[in-house]
Amino acid sequence: MRNITDNPPKILPAGEFIRTENDNAYVFNPSPLAQEYLDRIRQRSGYDIDIQPTPEGTPEGVGGFFRPYNQQGGSQDPSKRTVYLDPATPSLAVLAHEIGHAVDPILLKEIEAGTALKQQFLKNAPPDGLGNPSEFLADYLFSMGPREKFRTELTGQEAEKTAGQELGVTDEEFEVDKVDYPLSYITKGIDEFEMHHTRPQVPQSLEGEVLAPFFASTQIFGPSGFPTTLAVDANTEFDASDDYARRVLNLALDRDYQKVKNFELNRALNYAERRLGDSTSAGDRYYPRINQYYN
């Protein structure tokens, strides 16, 4: 069980971006805490950390990111790593999280391996879809990206947790349960897998209008719904709701599939709790829900 402090500050800043004489350039002035953490990282990893503002057009709510493929500051740069922070609210917790990605020694290799796994999975998938769901769920999570993202985001969360402990600080971002965000890639991966098995039969002329938002509804930042009823023309309406409901019900009643789904969720939680220890109480929230499935 993680310890929650009373009334932590909202956000501990990592510092501020200062505009230089060149209007398109900024320098980052780290806070004393951030500088202490950057010194620790340099001593441990040997890398200088270059901090840049996220570019215009970055989706709202993205506090920062790391670009492993960058020639300068990416995962193969021998001397530095570049992380990007929201210029409006550069936070210490996000800085630590992104540095966790930046110094992850297997991040780039895992991304590249994931691309090959995805291609192999799609090549070997049954011609009529994803086959028996109880047999293909584990392969889907492994090959199509959810497990890879789960592990890499746990690495970022672990770095964030360690930074707070080493610096002896906390705030609302440090206090957020560290498992919830990484686990969302497993739960969304399962949602996406189930979408493939419950996709309704749609006339080819309507596939773009129905199936594009149908599959987008499983993305992390995607919409939460999709249309099941559309007008084909002034006199004809296409309704996929009954077909979709039947497919969802069949999957929900598939005892073998629910056992596999239960196993995958529990395995992810167990791994996360081994990595993060007392910084997570996710199991207390998720296990009652997970264990309602067939045992």
C-alpha atoms as a PDB file:
ATOM      1  CA  MET A   1       0.000   0.000   0.000  1.00  0.00           C
ATOM      2  CA  ARG A   2       1.412   3.360  -0.943  1.00  0.00           C
ATOM      3  CA  ASN A   3       1.642   6.190   1.562  1.00  0.00           C
ATOM      4  CA  ILE A   4      -0.371   9.316   0.720  1.00  0.00           C
ATOM      5  CA  THR A   5       0.796  12.585   2.247  1.00  0.00           C
ATOM      6  CA  ASP A   6      -1.640  15.187   3.522  1.00  0.00           C
ATOM      7  CA  ASN A   7      -2.200  18.173   1.225  1.00  0.00           C
ATOM      8  CA  PRO A   8       0.771  17.819  -1.157  1.00  0.00           C
ATOM      9  CA  PRO A   9       1.525  20.870  -3.347  1.00  0.00           C
ATOM     10  CA  LYS A  10      -0.232  20.845  -6.707  1.00  0.00           C
ATOM     11  CA  ILE A  11       2.843  20.754  -8.981  1.00  0.00           C
ATOM     12  CA  LEU A  12       6.547  21.124  -8.244  1.00  0.00           C
ATOM     13  CA  PRO A  13       8.042  23.037 -11.179  1.00  0.00           C
ATOM     14  CA  ALA A  14      11.097  21.732 -12.977  1.00  0.00           C
ATOM     15  CA  GLY A  15      12.105  25.285 -13.846  1.00  0.00           C
ATOM     16  CA  GLU A  16      11.219  27.735 -16.588  1.00  0.00           C
ATOM     17  CA  PHE A  17      11.911  28.340 -20.246  1.00  0.00           C
ATOM     18  CA  ILE A  18      13.530  31.698 -20.970  1.00  0.00           C
ATOM     19  CA  ARG A  19      13.304  33.195 -24.445  1.00  0.00           C
ATOM     20  CA  THR A  20      16.675  34.132 -25.884  1.00  0.00           C
ATOM     21  CA  GLU A  21      17.456  36.988 -28.258  1.00  0.00           C
ATOM     22  CA  ASN A  22      16.473  34.627 -31.037  1.00  0.00           C
ATOM     23  CA  ASP A  23      12.655  34.602 -30.833  1.00  0.00           C
ATOM     24  CA  ASN A  24      12.533  30.954 -31.901  1.00  0.00           C
ATOM     25  CA  ALA A  25      14.935  29.709 -29.226  1.00  0.00           C
ATOM     26  CA  TYR A  26      14.643  29.048 -25.512  1.00  0.00           C
ATOM     27  CA  VAL A  27      16.981  28.042 -22.748  1.00  0.00           C
ATOM     28  CA  PHE A  28      15.776  26.101 -19.748  1.00  0.00           C
ATOM     29  CA  ASN A  29      16.524  27.403 -16.278  1.00  0.00           C
ATOM     30  CA  PRO A  30      16.091  24.413 -13.933  1.00  0.00           C
ATOM     31  CA  SER A  31      14.821  24.765 -10.396  1.00  0.00           C
ATOM     32  CA  PRO A  32      17.269  23.823  -7.604  1.00  0.00           C
ATOM     33  CA  LEU A  33      15.506  20.460  -7.188  1.00  0.00           C
ATOM     34  CA  ALA A  34      15.580  19.778 -10.902  1.00  0.00           C
ATOM     35  CA  GLN A  35      19.253  20.708 -11.090  1.00  0.00           C
ATOM     36  CA  GLU A  36      20.027  18.319  -8.244  1.00  0.00           C
ATOM     37  CA  TYR A  37      18.208  15.548 -10.088  1.00  0.00           C
ATOM     38  CA  LEU A  38      19.936  16.345 -13.403  1.00  0.00           C
ATOM     39  CA  ASP A  39      23.305  16.169 -11.640  1.00  0.00           C
ATOM     40  CA  ARG A  40      22.387  12.748 -10.248  1.00  0.00           C
ATOM     41  CA  ILE A  41      21.383  11.500 -13.699  1.00  0.00           C
ATOM     42  CA  ARG A  42      24.597  12.747 -15.264  1.00  0.00           C
ATOM     43  CA  GLN A  43      26.655  11.081 -12.558  1.00  0.00           C
ATOM     44  CA  ARG A  44      24.804   7.762 -12.957  1.00  0.00           C
ATOM     45  CA  SER A  45      24.369   7.608 -16.716  1.00  0.00           C
ATOM     46  CA  GLY A  46      27.025   9.930 -18.111  1.00  0.00           C
ATOM     47  CA  TYR A  47      24.437  11.784 -20.200  1.00  0.00           C
ATOM     48  CA  ASP A  48      23.779  15.508 -20.260  1.00  0.00           C
ATOM     49  CA  ILE A  49      20.048  16.213 -20.313  1.00  0.00           C
ATOM     50  CA  ASP A  50      18.935  18.849 -22.802  1.00  0.00           C
ATOM     51  CA  ILE A  51      15.447  20.205 -21.995  1.00  0.00           C
ATOM     52  CA  GLN A  52      13.395  21.741 -24.793  1.00  0.00           C
ATOM     53  CA  PRO A  53       9.801  23.024 -24.973  1.00  0.00           C
ATOM     54  CA  THR A  54       7.232  20.807 -26.650  1.00  0.00           C
ATOM     55  CA  PRO A  55       6.593  22.170 -30.159  1.00  0.00           C
ATOM     56  CA  GLU A  56       3.455  23.959 -31.248  1.00  0.00           C
ATOM     57  CA  GLY A  57       0.743  21.504 -32.168  1.00  0.00           C
ATOM     58  CA  THR A  58       1.494  19.102 -29.308  1.00  0.00           C
ATOM     59  CA  PRO A  59      -1.854  17.657 -28.139  1.00  0.00           C
ATOM     60  CA  GLU A  60      -3.353  19.315 -25.091  1.00  0.00           C
ATOM     61  CA  GLY A  61      -2.602  17.450 -21.877  1.00  0.00           C
ATOM     62  CA  VAL A  62       0.763  16.073 -23.021  1.00  0.00           C
ATOM     63  CA  GLY A  63       3.191  17.220 -20.346  1.00  0.00           C
ATOM     64  CA  GLY A  64       6.309  15.986 -22.092  1.00  0.00           C
ATOM     65  CA  PHE A  65       7.919  13.336 -24.265  1.00  0.00           C
ATOM     66  CA  PHE A  66      11.190  11.850 -25.482  1.00  0.00           C
ATOM     67  CA  ARG A  67      12.070  11.117 -29.114  1.00  0.00           C
ATOM     68  CA  PRO A  68      14.274   8.001 -29.228  1.00  0.00           C
ATOM     69  CA  TYR A  69      14.906   8.231 -32.992  1.00  0.00           C
ATOM     70  CA  ASN A  70      16.387  11.743 -32.921  1.00  0.00           C
ATOM     71  CA  GLN A  71      19.945  11.810 -34.203  1.00  0.00           C
ATOM     72  CA  GLN A  72      20.783  14.538 -31.681  1.00  0.00           C
ATOM     73  CA  GLY A  73      19.584  13.722 -28.177  1.00  0.00           C
ATOM     74  CA  GLY A  74      17.940  10.413 -29.070  1.00  0.00           C
ATOM     75  CA  SER A  75      18.616   6.933 -27.746  1.00  0.00           C
ATOM     76  CA  GLN A  76      21.786   6.495 -29.808  1.00  0.00           C
ATOM     77  CA  ASP A  77      23.393   9.854 -29.011  1.00  0.00           C
ATOM     78  CA  PRO A  78      26.606   9.001 -27.112  1.00  0.00           C
ATOM     79  CA  SER A  79      26.659  12.144 -24.963  1.00  0.00           C
ATOM     80  CA  LYS A  80      23.213  13.619 -24.326  1.00  0.00           C
ATOM     81  CA  ARG A  81      19.485  13.032 -24.207  1.00  0.00           C
ATOM     82  CA  THR A  82      16.857  15.619 -25.151  1.00  0.00           C
ATOM     83  CA  VAL A  83      13.510  15.632 -23.367  1.00  0.00           C
ATOM     84  CA  TYR A  84      10.593  17.915 -24.164  1.00  0.00           C
ATOM     85  CA  LEU A  85       8.411  19.576 -21.519  1.00  0.00           C
ATOM     86  CA  ASP A  86       5.244  21.644 -21.714  1.00  0.00           C
ATOM     87  CA  PRO A  87       6.563  25.233 -21.704  1.00  0.00           C
ATOM     88  CA  ALA A  88       3.514  26.465 -19.778  1.00  0.00           C
ATOM     89  CA  THR A  89       3.884  24.076 -16.831  1.00  0.00           C
ATOM     90  CA  PRO A  90       7.186  22.165 -16.921  1.00  0.00           C
ATOM     91  CA  SER A  91       6.860  19.862 -13.931  1.00  0.00           C
ATOM     92  CA  LEU A  92       9.484  17.979 -11.952  1.00  0.00           C
ATOM     93  CA  ALA A  93       7.504  14.726 -12.030  1.00  0.00           C
ATOM     94  CA  VAL A  94       7.159  14.802 -15.824  1.00  0.00           C
ATOM     95  CA  LEU A  95      10.857  15.651 -16.196  1.00  0.00           C
ATOM     96  CA  ALA A  96      11.783  12.574 -14.151  1.00  0.00           C
ATOM     97  CA  HIS A  97       9.360  10.393 -16.129  1.00  0.00           C
ATOM     98  CA  GLU A  98      10.754  11.466 -19.501  1.00  0.00           C
ATOM     99  CA  ILE A  99      14.331  11.063 -18.319  1.00  0.00           C
ATOM    100  CA  GLY A 100      13.351   7.517 -17.377  1.00  0.00           C
ATOM    101  CA  HIS A 101      12.562   6.911 -21.046  1.00  0.00           C
ATOM    102  CA  ALA A 102      15.635   8.809 -22.214  1.00  0.00           C
ATOM    103  CA  VAL A 103      18.111   6.660 -20.280  1.00  0.00           C
ATOM    104  CA  ASP A 104      16.239   3.379 -20.826  1.00  0.00           C
ATOM    105  CA  PRO A 105      18.943   1.199 -22.476  1.00  0.00           C
ATOM    106  CA  ILE A 106      16.503  -1.072 -24.327  1.00  0.00           C
ATOM    107  CA  LEU A 107      13.842   1.422 -25.409  1.00  0.00           C
ATOM    108  CA  LEU A 108      14.938   1.769 -29.036  1.00  0.00           C
ATOM    109  CA  LYS A 109      15.637  -1.956 -29.426  1.00  0.00           C
ATOM    110  CA  GLU A 110      12.218  -2.799 -28.043  1.00  0.00           C
ATOM    111  CA  ILE A 111      10.481  -0.368 -30.410  1.00  0.00           C
ATOM    112  CA  GLU A 112      12.307  -1.865 -33.393  1.00  0.00           C
ATOM    113  CA  ALA A 113      11.581  -5.422 -32.263  1.00  0.00           C
ATOM    114  CA  GLY A 114       7.943  -4.440 -31.807  1.00  0.00           C
ATOM    115  CA  THR A 115       7.699  -3.356 -35.433  1.00  0.00           C
ATOM    116  CA  ALA A 116       8.941  -6.760 -36.595  1.00  0.00           C
ATOM    117  CA  LEU A 117       6.578  -8.578 -34.215  1.00  0.00           C
ATOM    118  CA  LYS A 118       3.617  -6.580 -35.513  1.00  0.00           C
ATOM    119  CA  GLN A 119       4.453  -7.404 -39.120  1.00  0.00           C
ATOM    120  CA  GLN A 120       4.830 -11.104 -38.290  1.00  0.00           C
ATOM    121  CA  PHE A 121       1.561 -11.189 -36.355  1.00  0.00           C
ATOM    122  CA  LEU A 122      -0.399  -9.580 -39.187  1.00  0.00           C
ATOM    123  CA  LYS A 123       1.230 -11.916 -41.708  1.00  0.00           C
ATOM    124  CA  ASN A 124       0.220 -15.015 -39.723  1.00  0.00           C
ATOM    125  CA  ALA A 125      -3.257 -13.848 -38.661  1.00  0.00           C
ATOM    126  CA  PRO A 126      -6.108 -16.061 -39.855  1.00  0.00           C
ATOM    127  CA  PRO A 127      -7.664 -14.826 -43.115  1.00  0.00           C
ATOM    128  CA  ASP A 128     -11.089 -14.430 -41.450  1.00  0.00           C
ATOM    129  CA  GLY A 129      -9.812 -12.183 -38.638  1.00  0.00           C
ATOM    130  CA  LEU A 130      -8.044 -12.923 -35.345  1.00  0.00           C
ATOM    131  CA  GLY A 131      -9.266 -16.477 -34.904  1.00  0.00           C
ATOM    132  CA  ASN A 132     -10.265 -17.997 -31.581  1.00  0.00           C
ATOM    133  CA  PRO A 133     -10.108 -15.080 -29.093  1.00  0.00           C
ATOM    134  CA  SER A 134      -8.888 -17.212 -26.185  1.00  0.00           C
ATOM    135  CA  GLU A 135      -5.922 -18.360 -28.302  1.00  0.00           C
ATOM    136  CA  PHE A 136      -4.981 -15.016 -29.826  1.00  0.00           C
ATOM    137  CA  LEU A 137      -5.302 -12.446 -27.017  1.00  0.00           C
ATOM    138  CA  ALA A 138      -1.834 -13.043 -25.534  1.00  0.00           C
ATOM    139  CA  ASP A 139      -0.243 -12.938 -29.000  1.00  0.00           C
ATOM    140  CA  TYR A 140      -2.073  -9.708 -29.787  1.00  0.00           C
ATOM    141  CA  LEU A 141      -0.922  -7.957 -26.601  1.00  0.00           C
ATOM    142  CA  PHE A 142       2.646  -9.161 -27.160  1.00  0.00           C
ATOM    143  CA  SER A 143       2.931  -8.464 -30.870  1.00  0.00           C
ATOM    144  CA  MET A 144       0.780  -5.399 -31.514  1.00  0.00           C
ATOM    145  CA  GLY A 145       2.299  -3.046 -28.944  1.00  0.00           C
ATOM    146  CA  PRO A 146       0.310  -3.022 -25.671  1.00  0.00           C
ATOM    147  CA  ARG A 147       2.869  -4.982 -23.624  1.00  0.00           C
ATOM    148  CA  GLU A 148       5.745  -2.963 -25.060  1.00  0.00           C
ATOM    149  CA  LYS A 149       4.071   0.335 -24.121  1.00  0.00           C
ATOM    150  CA  PHE A 150       3.110  -1.064 -20.713  1.00  0.00           C
ATOM    151  CA  ARG A 151       6.730  -1.899 -19.913  1.00  0.00           C
ATOM    152  CA  THR A 152       8.195   1.346 -21.224  1.00  0.00           C
ATOM    153  CA  GLU A 153       5.665   3.477 -19.353  1.00  0.00           C
ATOM    154  CA  LEU A 154       6.341   1.509 -16.171  1.00  0.00           C
ATOM    155  CA  THR A 155      10.005   2.425 -16.642  1.00  0.00           C
ATOM    156  CA  GLY A 156       9.047   6.102 -16.820  1.00  0.00           C
ATOM    157  CA  GLN A 157       6.827   5.792 -13.755  1.00  0.00           C
ATOM    158  CA  GLU A 158       9.549   3.947 -11.856  1.00  0.00           C
ATOM    159  CA  ALA A 159      11.990   6.773 -12.624  1.00  0.00           C
ATOM    160  CA  GLU A 160       9.423   9.302 -11.423  1.00  0.00           C
ATOM    161  CA  LYS A 161       8.908   7.409  -8.178  1.00  0.00           C
ATOM    162  CA  THR A 162      12.674   7.106  -7.599  1.00  0.00           C
ATOM    163  CA  ALA A 163      13.201  10.820  -8.219  1.00  0.00           C
ATOM    164  CA  GLY A 164      10.624  11.763  -5.610  1.00  0.00           C
ATOM    165  CA  GLN A 165      12.222   9.441  -3.077  1.00  0.00           C
ATOM    166  CA  GLU A 166      15.772  10.598  -3.755  1.00  0.00           C
ATOM    167  CA  LEU A 167      14.842  14.268  -3.583  1.00  0.00           C
ATOM    168  CA  GLY A 168      12.516  13.761  -0.629  1.00  0.00           C
ATOM    169  CA  VAL A 169       9.643  15.613  -2.304  1.00  0.00           C
ATOM    170  CA  THR A 170       6.089  15.014  -3.439  1.00  0.00           C
ATOM    171  CA  ASP A 171       3.212  16.791  -5.138  1.00  0.00           C
ATOM    172  CA  GLU A 172      -0.065  15.835  -6.775  1.00  0.00           C
ATOM    173  CA  GLU A 173       1.725  14.378  -9.794  1.00  0.00           C
ATOM    174  CA  PHE A 174       4.146  12.321  -7.720  1.00  0.00           C
ATOM    175  CA  GLU A 175       1.184  11.106  -5.659  1.00  0.00           C
ATOM    176  CA  VAL A 176      -0.796   9.768  -8.636  1.00  0.00           C
ATOM    177  CA  ASP A 177      -0.875   5.973  -8.589  1.00  0.00           C
ATOM    178  CA  LYS A 178       1.939   5.015 -10.911  1.00  0.00           C
ATOM    179  CA  VAL A 179       0.259   1.916 -12.364  1.00  0.00           C
ATOM    180  CA  ASP A 180      -2.880   3.498 -13.783  1.00  0.00           C
ATOM    181  CA  TYR A 181      -1.306   5.090 -16.867  1.00  0.00           C
ATOM    182  CA  PRO A 182       0.856   2.109 -17.946  1.00  0.00           C
ATOM    183  CA  LEU A 183      -2.010  -0.304 -17.280  1.00  0.00           C
ATOM    184  CA  SER A 184      -4.227   1.728 -19.613  1.00  0.00           C
ATOM    185  CA  TYR A 185      -2.195   0.319 -22.529  1.00  0.00           C
ATOM    186  CA  ILE A 186      -3.118  -3.232 -21.495  1.00  0.00           C
ATOM    187  CA  THR A 187      -6.793  -2.436 -20.935  1.00  0.00           C
ATOM    188  CA  LYS A 188      -6.985  -0.429 -24.154  1.00  0.00           C
ATOM    189  CA  GLY A 189      -5.166  -3.244 -25.968  1.00  0.00           C
ATOM    190  CA  ILE A 190      -7.783  -5.694 -24.749  1.00  0.00           C
ATOM    191  CA  ASP A 191     -10.521  -3.271 -25.813  1.00  0.00           C
ATOM    192  CA  GLU A 192      -8.969  -2.999 -29.263  1.00  0.00           C
ATOM    193  CA  PHE A 193      -8.641  -6.799 -29.537  1.00  0.00           C
ATOM    194  CA  GLU A 194     -12.300  -7.201 -28.559  1.00  0.00           C
ATOM    195  CA  MET A 195     -13.283  -4.590 -31.119  1.00  0.00           C
ATOM    196  CA  HIS A 196     -11.803  -6.768 -33.851  1.00  0.00           C
ATOM    197  CA  HIS A 197     -13.935  -9.681 -32.678  1.00  0.00           C
ATOM    198  CA  THR A 198     -17.132  -7.690 -32.315  1.00  0.00           C
ATOM    199  CA  ARG A 199     -16.941  -5.482 -35.405  1.00  0.00           C
ATOM    200  CA  PRO A 200     -20.326  -5.536 -37.111  1.00  0.00           C
ATOM    201  CA  GLN A 201     -20.868  -6.512 -40.705  1.00  0.00           C
ATOM    202  CA  VAL A 202     -20.909  -3.245 -42.629  1.00  0.00           C
ATOM    203  CA  PRO A 203     -21.565  -2.562 -46.320  1.00  0.00           C
ATOM    204  CA  GLN A 204     -18.354  -1.597 -48.059  1.00  0.00           C
ATOM    205  CA  SER A 205     -19.777   1.811 -48.937  1.00  0.00           C
ATOM    206  CA  LEU A 206     -20.196   2.634 -45.219  1.00  0.00           C
ATOM    207  CA  GLU A 207     -16.960   1.179 -43.850  1.00  0.00           C
ATOM    208  CA  GLY A 208     -15.247   4.564 -43.645  1.00  0.00           C
ATOM    209  CA  GLU A 209     -18.137   6.131 -41.750  1.00  0.00           C
ATOM    210  CA  VAL A 210     -18.643   3.234 -39.306  1.00  0.00           C
ATOM    211  CA  LEU A 211     -15.393   1.306 -38.873  1.00  0.00           C
ATOM    212  CA  ALA A 212     -12.944   4.229 -38.691  1.00  0.00           C
ATOM    213  CA  PRO A 213     -14.574   5.742 -35.564  1.00  0.00           C
ATOM    214  CA  PHE A 214     -15.342   2.192 -34.358  1.00  0.00           C
ATOM    215  CA  PHE A 215     -11.649   1.333 -34.072  1.00  0.00           C
ATOM    216  CA  ALA A 216     -10.605   4.874 -33.085  1.00  0.00           C
ATOM    217  CA  SER A 217     -12.818   4.515 -30.011  1.00  0.00           C
ATOM    218  CA  THR A 218     -10.203   2.192 -28.460  1.00  0.00           C
ATOM    219  CA  GLN A 219      -7.275   4.604 -28.765  1.00  0.00           C
ATOM    220  CA  ILE A 220      -5.812   6.243 -25.655  1.00  0.00           C
ATOM    221  CA  PHE A 221      -6.824   9.728 -26.824  1.00  0.00           C
ATOM    222  CA  GLY A 222      -9.617   8.581 -29.148  1.00  0.00           C
ATOM    223  CA  PRO A 223     -13.368   9.225 -29.052  1.00  0.00           C
ATOM    224  CA  SER A 224     -15.497   7.230 -26.639  1.00  0.00           C
ATOM    225  CA  GLY A 225     -18.200   6.162 -29.082  1.00  0.00           C
ATOM    226  CA  PHE A 226     -19.056   5.345 -32.671  1.00  0.00           C
ATOM    227  CA  PRO A 227     -22.200   5.274 -34.829  1.00  0.00           C
ATOM    228  CA  THR A 228     -24.137   2.025 -35.342  1.00  0.00           C
ATOM    229  CA  THR A 229     -26.960   3.613 -37.337  1.00  0.00           C
ATOM    230  CA  LEU A 230     -26.401   5.569 -40.549  1.00  0.00           C
ATOM    231  CA  ALA A 231     -28.554   6.783 -43.409  1.00  0.00           C
ATOM    232  CA  VAL A 232     -27.565   5.045 -46.643  1.00  0.00           C
ATOM    233  CA  ASP A 233     -29.802   7.356 -48.662  1.00  0.00           C
ATOM    234  CA  ALA A 234     -33.022   9.304 -48.186  1.00  0.00           C
ATOM    235  CA  ASN A 235     -35.074   6.096 -47.965  1.00  0.00           C
ATOM    236  CA  THR A 236     -32.676   3.571 -46.421  1.00  0.00           C
ATOM    237  CA  GLU A 237     -31.107   3.328 -42.971  1.00  0.00           C
ATOM    238  CA  PHE A 238     -28.316   0.935 -42.023  1.00  0.00           C
ATOM    239  CA  ASP A 239     -28.498  -0.350 -38.435  1.00  0.00           C
ATOM    240  CA  ALA A 240     -25.655  -2.507 -37.051  1.00  0.00           C
ATOM    241  CA  SER A 241     -26.665  -2.285 -33.392  1.00  0.00           C
ATOM    242  CA  ASP A 242     -28.273  -5.757 -33.134  1.00  0.00           C
ATOM    243  CA  ASP A 243     -25.360  -7.453 -34.884  1.00  0.00           C
ATOM    244  CA  TYR A 244     -22.853  -5.612 -32.681  1.00  0.00           C
ATOM    245  CA  ALA A 245     -24.783  -6.432 -29.477  1.00  0.00           C
ATOM    246  CA  ARG A 246     -24.894 -10.136 -30.407  1.00  0.00           C
ATOM    247  CA  ARG A 247     -21.142 -10.244 -31.018  1.00  0.00           C
ATOM    248  CA  VAL A 248     -20.389  -8.448 -27.729  1.00  0.00           C
ATOM    249  CA  LEU A 249     -22.645 -10.852 -25.823  1.00  0.00           C
ATOM    250  CA  ASN A 250     -21.025 -13.908 -27.417  1.00  0.00           C
ATOM    251  CA  LEU A 251     -17.570 -12.722 -26.390  1.00  0.00           C
ATOM    252  CA  ALA A 252     -18.712 -11.880 -22.868  1.00  0.00           C
ATOM    253  CA  LEU A 253     -20.101 -15.414 -22.501  1.00  0.00           C
ATOM    254  CA  ASP A 254     -16.977 -17.087 -23.901  1.00  0.00           C
ATOM    255  CA  ARG A 255     -15.710 -18.765 -20.742  1.00  0.00           C
ATOM    256  CA  ASP A 256     -12.269 -19.644 -22.123  1.00  0.00           C
ATOM    257  CA  TYR A 257     -11.697 -16.102 -23.359  1.00  0.00           C
ATOM    258  CA  GLN A 258     -12.710 -14.522 -20.041  1.00  0.00           C
ATOM    259  CA  LYS A 259     -10.228 -16.772 -18.231  1.00  0.00           C
ATOM    260  CA  VAL A 260      -7.418 -15.652 -20.548  1.00  0.00           C
ATOM    261  CA  LYS A 261      -8.436 -12.000 -20.187  1.00  0.00           C
ATOM    262  CA  ASN A 262      -8.468 -12.366 -16.399  1.00  0.00           C
ATOM    263  CA  PHE A 263      -4.996 -13.939 -16.516  1.00  0.00           C
ATOM    264  CA  GLU A 264      -3.535 -11.161 -18.689  1.00  0.00           C
ATOM    265  CA  LEU A 265      -4.886  -8.386 -16.452  1.00  0.00           C
ATOM    266  CA  ASN A 266      -3.661 -10.079 -13.284  1.00  0.00           C
ATOM    267  CA  ARG A 267      -0.239 -10.752 -14.808  1.00  0.00           C
ATOM    268  CA  ALA A 268       0.118  -7.085 -15.748  1.00  0.00           C
ATOM    269  CA  LEU A 269      -0.845  -5.949 -12.256  1.00  0.00           C
ATOM    270  CA  ASN A 270       1.505  -8.415 -10.582  1.00  0.00           C
ATOM    271  CA  TYR A 271       4.412  -7.262 -12.750  1.00  0.00           C
ATOM    272  CA  ALA A 272       3.614  -3.601 -12.094  1.00  0.00           C
ATOM    273  CA  GLU A 273       3.481  -4.130  -8.370  1.00  0.00           C
ATOM    274  CA  ARG A 274       6.809  -5.954  -8.413  1.00  0.00           C
ATOM    275  CA  ARG A 275       8.310  -2.977 -10.233  1.00  0.00           C
ATOM    276  CA  LEU A 276       6.685  -0.221  -8.187  1.00  0.00           C
ATOM    277  CA  GLY A 277       6.181  -1.781  -4.769  1.00  0.00           C
ATOM    278  CA  ASP A 278       4.339   0.348  -2.243  1.00  0.00           C
ATOM    279  CA  SER A 279       3.868   3.213  -4.702  1.00  0.00           C
ATOM    280  CA  THR A 280       0.752   1.534  -6.086  1.00  0.00           C
ATOM    281  CA  SER A 281      -2.595   0.512  -4.691  1.00  0.00           C
ATOM    282  CA  ALA A 282      -3.929  -0.373  -8.131  1.00  0.00           C
ATOM    283  CA  GLY A 283      -4.457  -3.973  -7.101  1.00  0.00           C
ATOM    284  CA  ASP A 284      -6.850  -2.873  -4.384  1.00  0.00           C
ATOM    285  CA  ARG A 285      -8.964  -1.170  -7.043  1.00  0.00           C
ATOM    286  CA  TYR A 286      -8.572  -3.525 -10.007  1.00  0.00           C
ATOM    287  CA  TYR A 287      -8.541  -7.007  -8.479  1.00  0.00           C
ATOM    288  CA  PRO A 288     -12.177  -6.949  -7.299  1.00  0.00           C
ATOM    289  CA  ARG A 289     -13.234  -5.966 -10.833  1.00  0.00           C
ATOM    290  CA  ILE A 290     -10.919  -8.438 -12.554  1.00  0.00           C
ATOM    291  CA  ASN A 291     -11.885 -11.370 -10.368  1.00  0.00           C
ATOM    292  CA  GLN A 292     -15.549 -11.026 -11.274  1.00  0.00           C
ATOM    293  CA  TYR A 293     -14.660 -12.772 -14.524  1.00  0.00           C
ATOM    294  CA  TYR A 294     -14.744 -16.549 -14.800  1.00  0.00           C
ATOM    295  CA  ASN A 295     -12.234 -18.289 -12.522  1.00  0.00           C
END
